C-alpha atoms as a PDB file:
ATOM      1  CA  UNK A   1      -0.124   0.049  -0.002  1.00  0.00           C
ATOM      2  CA  UNK A   2       2.786   2.394   0.803  1.00  0.00           C
ATOM      3  CA  UNK A   3       4.884   1.721  -2.328  1.00  0.00           C
ATOM      4  CA  UNK A   4       1.822   2.399  -4.523  1.00  0.00           C
ATOM      5  CA  UNK A   5       0.854   5.479  -3.008  1.00  0.00           C
ATOM      6  CA  UNK A   6       4.509   6.735  -2.604  1.00  0.00           C
ATOM      7  CA  UNK A   7       3.873   7.690   0.935  1.00  0.00           C
ATOM      8  CA  UNK A   8       6.474   6.332   3.618  1.00  0.00           C
ATOM      9  CA  UNK A   9       5.164   3.933   6.227  1.00  0.00           C
ATOM     10  CA  UNK A  10       5.866   6.587   9.030  1.00  0.00           C
ATOM     11  CA  UNK A  11       3.491   8.984   7.377  1.00  0.00           C
ATOM     12  CA  UNK A  12       0.876   6.450   6.040  1.00  0.00           C
ATOM     13  CA  UNK A  13       0.485   4.292   8.998  1.00  0.00           C
ATOM     14  CA  UNK A  14       2.689   5.794  11.686  1.00  0.00           C
ATOM     15  CA  UNK A  15       4.935   2.858  11.774  1.00  0.00           C
ATOM     16  CA  UNK A  16       8.457   3.801  13.137  1.00  0.00           C
ATOM     17  CA  UNK A  17      11.582   2.148  11.813  1.00  0.00           C
ATOM     18  CA  UNK A  18      13.074  -0.320  14.309  1.00  0.00           C
ATOM     19  CA  UNK A  19      16.830  -1.438  14.736  1.00  0.00           C
ATOM     20  CA  UNK A  20      20.207   0.042  15.118  1.00  0.00           C
ATOM     21  CA  UNK A  21      20.539   3.377  13.319  1.00  0.00           C
ATOM     22  CA  UNK A  22      17.046   3.262  12.029  1.00  0.00           C
ATOM     23  CA  UNK A  23      15.762   6.531  10.684  1.00  0.00           C
ATOM     24  CA  UNK A  24      13.084   7.390   8.370  1.00  0.00           C
ATOM     25  CA  UNK A  25      14.459  10.940   7.437  1.00  0.00           C
ATOM     26  CA  UNK A  26      15.716   9.665   4.100  1.00  0.00           C
ATOM     27  CA  UNK A  27      12.295   8.264   3.184  1.00  0.00           C
ATOM     28  CA  UNK A  28      10.484  11.377   4.222  1.00  0.00           C
ATOM     29  CA  UNK A  29      12.902  13.620   2.321  1.00  0.00           C
ATOM     30  CA  UNK A  30      12.298  11.593  -0.838  1.00  0.00           C
ATOM     31  CA  UNK A  31       8.487  11.652  -0.257  1.00  0.00           C
ATOM     32  CA  UNK A  32       8.752  15.625   0.119  1.00  0.00           C
ATOM     33  CA  UNK A  33      10.741  15.817  -3.149  1.00  0.00           C
ATOM     34  CA  UNK A  34       8.015  13.595  -4.669  1.00  0.00           C
ATOM     35  CA  UNK A  35       5.207  15.793  -3.694  1.00  0.00           C
ATOM     36  CA  UNK A  36       7.059  18.906  -4.667  1.00  0.00           C
ATOM     37  CA  UNK A  37       7.767  17.532  -8.070  1.00  0.00           C
ATOM     38  CA  UNK A  38       4.161  16.580  -8.383  1.00  0.00           C
ATOM     39  CA  UNK A  39       2.964  19.935  -7.521  1.00  0.00           C
ATOM     40  CA  UNK A  40       5.343  21.568 -10.152  1.00  0.00           C
ATOM     41  CA  UNK A  41       4.253  19.081 -12.865  1.00  0.00           C
ATOM     42  CA  UNK A  42       0.474  19.157 -12.257  1.00  0.00           C
ATOM     43  CA  UNK A  43      -0.240  22.570 -10.774  1.00  0.00           C
ATOM     44  CA  UNK A  44       2.065  25.121 -11.710  1.00  0.00           C
ATOM     45  CA  UNK A  45       0.706  25.750 -15.313  1.00  0.00           C
ATOM     46  CA  UNK A  46      -2.818  25.809 -14.233  1.00  0.00           C
ATOM     47  CA  UNK A  47      -2.296  28.111 -11.313  1.00  0.00           C
ATOM     48  CA  UNK A  48      -0.063  30.255 -13.341  1.00  0.00           C
ATOM     49  CA  UNK A  49      -2.784  30.558 -16.133  1.00  0.00           C
ATOM     50  CA  UNK A  50      -5.443  31.351 -13.387  1.00  0.00           C
ATOM     51  CA  UNK A  51      -3.357  34.270 -11.937  1.00  0.00           C
ATOM     52  CA  UNK A  52      -2.891  35.518 -15.424  1.00  0.00           C
ATOM     53  CA  UNK A  53      -6.779  35.573 -15.916  1.00  0.00           C
ATOM     54  CA  UNK A  54      -7.356  37.154 -12.606  1.00  0.00           C
ATOM     55  CA  UNK A  55      -4.656  39.851 -13.196  1.00  0.00           C
ATOM     56  CA  UNK A  56      -6.157  40.598 -16.512  1.00  0.00           C
ATOM     57  CA  UNK A  57      -9.684  40.898 -15.156  1.00  0.00           C
ATOM     58  CA  UNK A  58      -8.413  43.320 -12.312  1.00  0.00           C
ATOM     59  CA  UNK A  59      -5.690  45.410 -14.180  1.00  0.00           C
ATOM     60  CA  UNK A  60      -6.200  44.654 -17.801  1.00  0.00           C
ATOM     61  CA  UNK A  61      -2.886  42.966 -18.366  1.00  0.00           C
ATOM     62  CA  UNK A  62      -0.909  40.452 -16.398  1.00  0.00           C
ATOM     63  CA  UNK A  63       1.821  41.656 -14.287  1.00  0.00           C
ATOM     64  CA  UNK A  64       4.971  39.536 -14.867  1.00  0.00           C
ATOM     65  CA  UNK A  65       6.443  40.458 -11.496  1.00  0.00           C
ATOM     66  CA  UNK A  66       3.788  38.511  -9.531  1.00  0.00           C
ATOM     67  CA  UNK A  67       4.454  34.811  -9.267  1.00  0.00           C
ATOM     68  CA  UNK A  68       3.970  32.158  -6.446  1.00  0.00           C
ATOM     69  CA  UNK A  69       6.054  29.450  -4.813  1.00  0.00           C
ATOM     70  CA  UNK A  70       4.702  26.225  -3.247  1.00  0.00           C
ATOM     71  CA  UNK A  71       5.059  26.035   0.315  1.00  0.00           C
ATOM     72  CA  UNK A  72       8.105  23.901   1.659  1.00  0.00           C
ATOM     73  CA  UNK A  73       6.897  20.561   3.345  1.00  0.00           C
ATOM     74  CA  UNK A  74       9.701  20.247   5.497  1.00  0.00           C
ATOM     75  CA  UNK A  75      10.115  22.472   8.575  1.00  0.00           C
ATOM     76  CA  UNK A  76      13.241  23.751  10.064  1.00  0.00           C
ATOM     77  CA  UNK A  77      13.622  23.421  13.761  1.00  0.00           C
ATOM     78  CA  UNK A  78      14.573  26.481  15.916  1.00  0.00           C
ATOM     79  CA  UNK A  79      18.251  25.236  16.173  1.00  0.00           C
ATOM     80  CA  UNK A  80      18.552  24.887  12.453  1.00  0.00           C
ATOM     81  CA  UNK A  81      16.867  28.340  11.782  1.00  0.00           C
ATOM     82  CA  UNK A  82      19.225  30.060  14.440  1.00  0.00           C
ATOM     83  CA  UNK A  83      22.206  28.417  12.617  1.00  0.00           C
ATOM     84  CA  UNK A  84      21.130  29.815   9.337  1.00  0.00           C
ATOM     85  CA  UNK A  85      20.703  33.321  10.789  1.00  0.00           C
ATOM     86  CA  UNK A  86      24.301  33.104  12.427  1.00  0.00           C
ATOM     87  CA  UNK A  87      25.750  32.195   9.257  1.00  0.00           C
ATOM     88  CA  UNK A  88      24.021  35.038   7.323  1.00  0.00           C
ATOM     89  CA  UNK A  89      25.134  37.460  10.030  1.00  0.00           C
ATOM     90  CA  UNK A  90      28.691  36.324   9.859  1.00  0.00           C
ATOM     91  CA  UNK A  91      28.588  36.397   6.213  1.00  0.00           C
ATOM     92  CA  UNK A  92      27.342  40.070   6.342  1.00  0.00           C
ATOM     93  CA  UNK A  93      30.070  41.202   8.873  1.00  0.00           C
ATOM     94  CA  UNK A  94      32.824  39.635   6.544  1.00  0.00           C
ATOM     95  CA  UNK A  95      31.360  41.540   3.448  1.00  0.00           C
ATOM     96  CA  UNK A  96      30.951  44.767   5.472  1.00  0.00           C
ATOM     97  CA  UNK A  97      34.468  44.569   6.905  1.00  0.00           C
ATOM     98  CA  UNK A  98      35.898  43.777   3.307  1.00  0.00           C
ATOM     99  CA  UNK A  99      33.986  46.738   1.930  1.00  0.00           C
ATOM    100  CA  UNK A 100      31.941  44.724  -0.482  1.00  0.00           C
ATOM    101  CA  UNK A 101      28.616  45.888   0.912  1.00  0.00           C
ATOM    102  CA  UNK A 102      27.573  48.661   3.356  1.00  0.00           C
ATOM    103  CA  UNK A 103      25.765  48.211   6.613  1.00  0.00           C
ATOM    104  CA  UNK A 104      22.748  49.560   4.903  1.00  0.00           C
ATOM    105  CA  UNK A 105      22.654  46.854   2.384  1.00  0.00           C
ATOM    106  CA  UNK A 106      23.011  44.343   5.098  1.00  0.00           C
ATOM    107  CA  UNK A 107      20.146  45.979   6.898  1.00  0.00           C
ATOM    108  CA  UNK A 108      18.040  45.896   3.678  1.00  0.00           C
ATOM    109  CA  UNK A 109      18.796  42.148   3.445  1.00  0.00           C
ATOM    110  CA  UNK A 110      17.843  41.465   7.088  1.00  0.00           C
ATOM    111  CA  UNK A 111      14.583  43.632   6.598  1.00  0.00           C
ATOM    112  CA  UNK A 112      13.630  41.937   3.365  1.00  0.00           C
ATOM    113  CA  UNK A 113      13.947  38.327   4.689  1.00  0.00           C
ATOM    114  CA  UNK A 114      10.661  37.145   5.842  1.00  0.00           C
ATOM    115  CA  UNK A 115      12.045  34.362   7.887  1.00  0.00           C
ATOM    116  CA  UNK A 116      14.210  36.806   9.948  1.00  0.00           C
ATOM    117  CA  UNK A 117      13.342  37.926  13.338  1.00  0.00           C
ATOM    118  CA  UNK A 118      14.035  41.467  12.192  1.00  0.00           C
ATOM    119  CA  UNK A 119      11.992  41.635   9.062  1.00  0.00           C
ATOM    120  CA  UNK A 120       9.805  44.447  10.427  1.00  0.00           C
ATOM    121  CA  UNK A 121      12.572  46.776  11.133  1.00  0.00           C
ATOM    122  CA  UNK A 122      12.797  50.245   9.412  1.00  0.00           C
ATOM    123  CA  UNK A 123      15.679  50.233   6.903  1.00  0.00           C
ATOM    124  CA  UNK A 124      15.848  54.157   6.879  1.00  0.00           C
ATOM    125  CA  UNK A 125      16.148  54.391  10.774  1.00  0.00           C
ATOM    126  CA  UNK A 126      19.917  53.633  11.046  1.00  0.00           C
ATOM    127  CA  UNK A 127      21.414  53.695  14.575  1.00  0.00           C
ATOM    128  CA  UNK A 128      23.900  56.655  14.854  1.00  0.00           C
ATOM    129  CA  UNK A 129      26.783  54.966  16.624  1.00  0.00           C
ATOM    130  CA  UNK A 130      29.209  57.789  15.659  1.00  0.00           C
ATOM    131  CA  UNK A 131      29.110  59.414  19.233  1.00  0.00           C
ATOM    132  CA  UNK A 132      29.576  55.818  20.978  1.00  0.00           C
ATOM    133  CA  UNK A 133      32.369  55.061  18.683  1.00  0.00           C
ATOM    134  CA  UNK A 134      34.227  58.293  19.480  1.00  0.00           C
ATOM    135  CA  UNK A 135      33.785  57.737  23.290  1.00  0.00           C
ATOM    136  CA  UNK A 136      34.222  54.178  23.119  1.00  0.00           C
ATOM    137  CA  UNK A 137      31.572  51.535  24.006  1.00  0.00           C
ATOM    138  CA  UNK A 138      31.159  51.279  27.739  1.00  0.00           C
ATOM    139  CA  UNK A 139      29.221  48.206  29.236  1.00  0.00           C
ATOM    140  CA  UNK A 140      26.477  49.421  31.529  1.00  0.00           C
ATOM    141  CA  UNK A 141      27.274  48.585  34.989  1.00  0.00           C
ATOM    142  CA  UNK A 142      30.880  48.292  34.559  1.00  0.00           C
ATOM    143  CA  UNK A 143      33.740  49.890  36.512  1.00  0.00           C
ATOM    144  CA  UNK A 144      34.445  52.435  33.620  1.00  0.00           C
ATOM    145  CA  UNK A 145      30.910  53.590  33.623  1.00  0.00           C
ATOM    146  CA  UNK A 146      30.943  54.238  37.518  1.00  0.00           C
ATOM    147  CA  UNK A 147      34.165  56.037  37.142  1.00  0.00           C
ATOM    148  CA  UNK A 148      32.655  58.261  34.405  1.00  0.00           C
ATOM    149  CA  UNK A 149      29.550  58.997  36.598  1.00  0.00           C
ATOM    150  CA  UNK A 150      31.808  59.926  39.608  1.00  0.00           C
END
Protein backbone atom coordinates (compact mmCIF):
# COMPACT_ATOMS: atom_id res chain seq x y z
CA UNK A 1 0.00 0.00 0.00
CA UNK A 2 2.83 2.40 0.82
CA UNK A 3 4.82 1.69 -2.34
CA UNK A 4 1.82 2.25 -4.62
CA UNK A 5 0.95 5.56 -2.99
CA UNK A 6 4.61 6.66 -2.64
CA UNK A 7 3.93 7.55 1.00
CA UNK A 8 6.45 6.36 3.61
CA UNK A 9 5.13 3.97 6.24
CA UNK A 10 5.86 6.47 9.00
CA UNK A 11 3.52 8.99 7.31
CA UNK A 12 0.91 6.53 6.07
CA UNK A 13 0.54 4.22 9.05
CA UNK A 14 2.70 5.79 11.76
CA UNK A 15 5.06 2.80 11.77
CA UNK A 16 8.44 3.87 13.13
CA UNK A 17 11.56 2.12 11.82
CA UNK A 18 13.14 -0.27 14.31
CA UNK A 19 16.71 -1.39 14.72
CA UNK A 20 20.14 0.09 15.12
CA UNK A 21 20.58 3.45 13.39
CA UNK A 22 17.06 3.18 11.98
CA UNK A 23 15.74 6.47 10.70
CA UNK A 24 13.00 7.49 8.33
CA UNK A 25 14.51 10.90 7.51
CA UNK A 26 15.69 9.76 4.06
CA UNK A 27 12.30 8.31 3.18
CA UNK A 28 10.51 11.44 4.32
CA UNK A 29 12.87 13.68 2.31
CA UNK A 30 12.27 11.56 -0.80
CA UNK A 31 8.52 11.82 -0.18
CA UNK A 32 8.73 15.62 0.15
CA UNK A 33 10.73 15.81 -3.09
CA UNK A 34 8.14 13.61 -4.79
CA UNK A 35 5.26 15.83 -3.62
CA UNK A 36 7.13 18.97 -4.74
CA UNK A 37 7.77 17.54 -8.21
CA UNK A 38 4.10 16.51 -8.37
CA UNK A 39 3.05 20.06 -7.48
CA UNK A 40 5.32 21.53 -10.14
CA UNK A 41 4.23 19.05 -12.81
CA UNK A 42 0.48 19.13 -12.22
CA UNK A 43 -0.35 22.49 -10.65
CA UNK A 44 2.18 25.17 -11.72
CA UNK A 45 0.77 25.76 -15.23
CA UNK A 46 -2.94 25.84 -14.27
CA UNK A 47 -2.31 28.14 -11.29
CA UNK A 48 -0.08 30.39 -13.41
CA UNK A 49 -2.81 30.58 -16.06
CA UNK A 50 -5.44 31.35 -13.40
CA UNK A 51 -3.27 34.12 -11.94
CA UNK A 52 -2.91 35.62 -15.40
CA UNK A 53 -6.67 35.61 -15.88
CA UNK A 54 -7.29 37.21 -12.48
CA UNK A 55 -4.67 39.93 -13.13
CA UNK A 56 -6.12 40.60 -16.58
CA UNK A 57 -9.57 40.90 -15.06
CA UNK A 58 -8.35 43.27 -12.36
CA UNK A 59 -5.78 45.42 -14.18
CA UNK A 60 -6.27 44.73 -17.88
CA UNK A 61 -2.92 42.94 -18.28
CA UNK A 62 -0.88 40.36 -16.36
CA UNK A 63 1.93 41.65 -14.16
CA UNK A 64 5.08 39.58 -14.82
CA UNK A 65 6.45 40.55 -11.40
CA UNK A 66 3.75 38.58 -9.58
CA UNK A 67 4.43 34.89 -9.17
CA UNK A 68 4.05 32.18 -6.54
CA UNK A 69 6.03 29.46 -4.83
CA UNK A 70 4.78 26.24 -3.35
CA UNK A 71 5.11 26.05 0.43
CA UNK A 72 7.99 23.87 1.63
CA UNK A 73 6.85 20.66 3.27
CA UNK A 74 9.84 20.16 5.54
CA UNK A 75 10.10 22.40 8.55
CA UNK A 76 13.33 23.66 10.01
CA UNK A 77 13.56 23.48 13.76
CA UNK A 78 14.58 26.48 15.86
CA UNK A 79 18.19 25.34 16.15
CA UNK A 80 18.60 24.98 12.38
CA UNK A 81 16.94 28.35 11.78
CA UNK A 82 19.25 30.00 14.35
CA UNK A 83 22.29 28.44 12.69
CA UNK A 84 21.18 29.79 9.30
CA UNK A 85 20.67 33.28 10.78
CA UNK A 86 24.10 33.13 12.45
CA UNK A 87 25.76 32.11 9.20
CA UNK A 88 24.05 34.96 7.34
CA UNK A 89 25.10 37.45 10.03
CA UNK A 90 28.72 36.25 9.93
CA UNK A 91 28.70 36.52 6.13
CA UNK A 92 27.37 40.08 6.36
CA UNK A 93 30.08 41.05 8.87
CA UNK A 94 32.78 39.66 6.58
CA UNK A 95 31.35 41.43 3.53
CA UNK A 96 30.99 44.73 5.43
CA UNK A 97 34.55 44.50 6.81
CA UNK A 98 35.87 43.74 3.30
CA UNK A 99 34.01 46.75 1.91
CA UNK A 100 31.91 44.65 -0.46
CA UNK A 101 28.59 45.82 1.00
CA UNK A 102 27.59 48.60 3.35
CA UNK A 103 25.78 48.17 6.68
CA UNK A 104 22.72 49.70 5.01
CA UNK A 105 22.69 46.94 2.38
CA UNK A 106 22.99 44.30 5.08
CA UNK A 107 20.12 45.97 6.92
CA UNK A 108 18.02 45.84 3.74
CA UNK A 109 18.73 42.12 3.39
CA UNK A 110 17.68 41.45 6.98
CA UNK A 111 14.53 43.55 6.62
CA UNK A 112 13.65 41.85 3.33
CA UNK A 113 14.03 38.32 4.70
CA UNK A 114 10.57 37.10 5.78
CA UNK A 115 12.13 34.34 7.91
CA UNK A 116 14.23 36.83 9.89
CA UNK A 117 13.26 37.94 13.38
CA UNK A 118 14.09 41.48 12.24
CA UNK A 119 11.96 41.61 9.09
CA UNK A 120 9.90 44.46 10.53
CA UNK A 121 12.78 46.89 11.11
CA UNK A 122 12.76 50.27 9.41
CA UNK A 123 15.65 50.25 6.94
CA UNK A 124 15.82 54.04 6.88
CA UNK A 125 16.17 54.34 10.67
CA UNK A 126 19.89 53.59 10.97
CA UNK A 127 21.27 53.82 14.51
CA UNK A 128 23.86 56.59 14.89
CA UNK A 129 26.83 55.01 16.60
CA UNK A 130 29.27 57.82 15.80
CA UNK A 131 29.09 59.34 19.29
CA UNK A 132 29.51 55.96 20.97
CA UNK A 133 32.42 55.10 18.68
CA UNK A 134 34.16 58.37 19.55
CA UNK A 135 33.70 57.88 23.30
CA UNK A 136 34.33 54.14 23.19
CA UNK A 137 31.63 51.66 24.02
CA UNK A 138 31.20 51.21 27.76
CA UNK A 139 29.28 48.29 29.17
CA UNK A 140 26.50 49.36 31.54
CA UNK A 141 27.32 48.60 35.16
CA UNK A 142 31.05 48.28 34.44
CA UNK A 143 33.74 49.95 36.53
CA UNK A 144 34.43 52.37 33.64
CA UNK A 145 30.83 53.57 33.74
CA UNK A 146 31.01 54.09 37.52
CA UNK A 147 34.25 56.05 37.12
CA UNK A 148 32.66 58.27 34.46
CA UNK A 149 29.64 58.93 36.68
CA UNK A 150 31.85 59.95 39.59
